[in-house]
Amino acid sequence: MEDVSVQRWDENFQPDEAAIRLRMGQEGLSPFQWSNGPGDIYPAHSHSYHKVIYVVRGSITFGLPAKGTTIQLNQGDRLELPAGIVHDALVGGQGVVCLEGHW
């Protein structure tokens, strides 16, 4: 089984939605946007597809119950979540806007 991976934004500028969409397009992804308000919670669940998420604004913390770890994502950060990985999430205090694509 593949593992979860995180990439922090590595450019010398703060990313905006256009920059992230461009990067996702270069990865062969067709992103869609979603957002949540401060403190929103996603209970533990998994997906049947490989998911890539970039944070456009705000922050979100993903939990990996099987490992007992969390991953905080901020503006520009990328999370790659293979199919079948159980995860939960807690949205940060300023809410979050993300772009997501699937493989």
Foldseek 3Di string as FASTA:
>chain_A
DDDKDKDAADDPDFDAPVVVCVVCVVVVWDKDKDWDAAFDKFPKDFAQWKKKKAWRAFKKKKAQVVVRDIDIHHGGMMMIDGGPGIIMMTGHNGITMMIMGTD
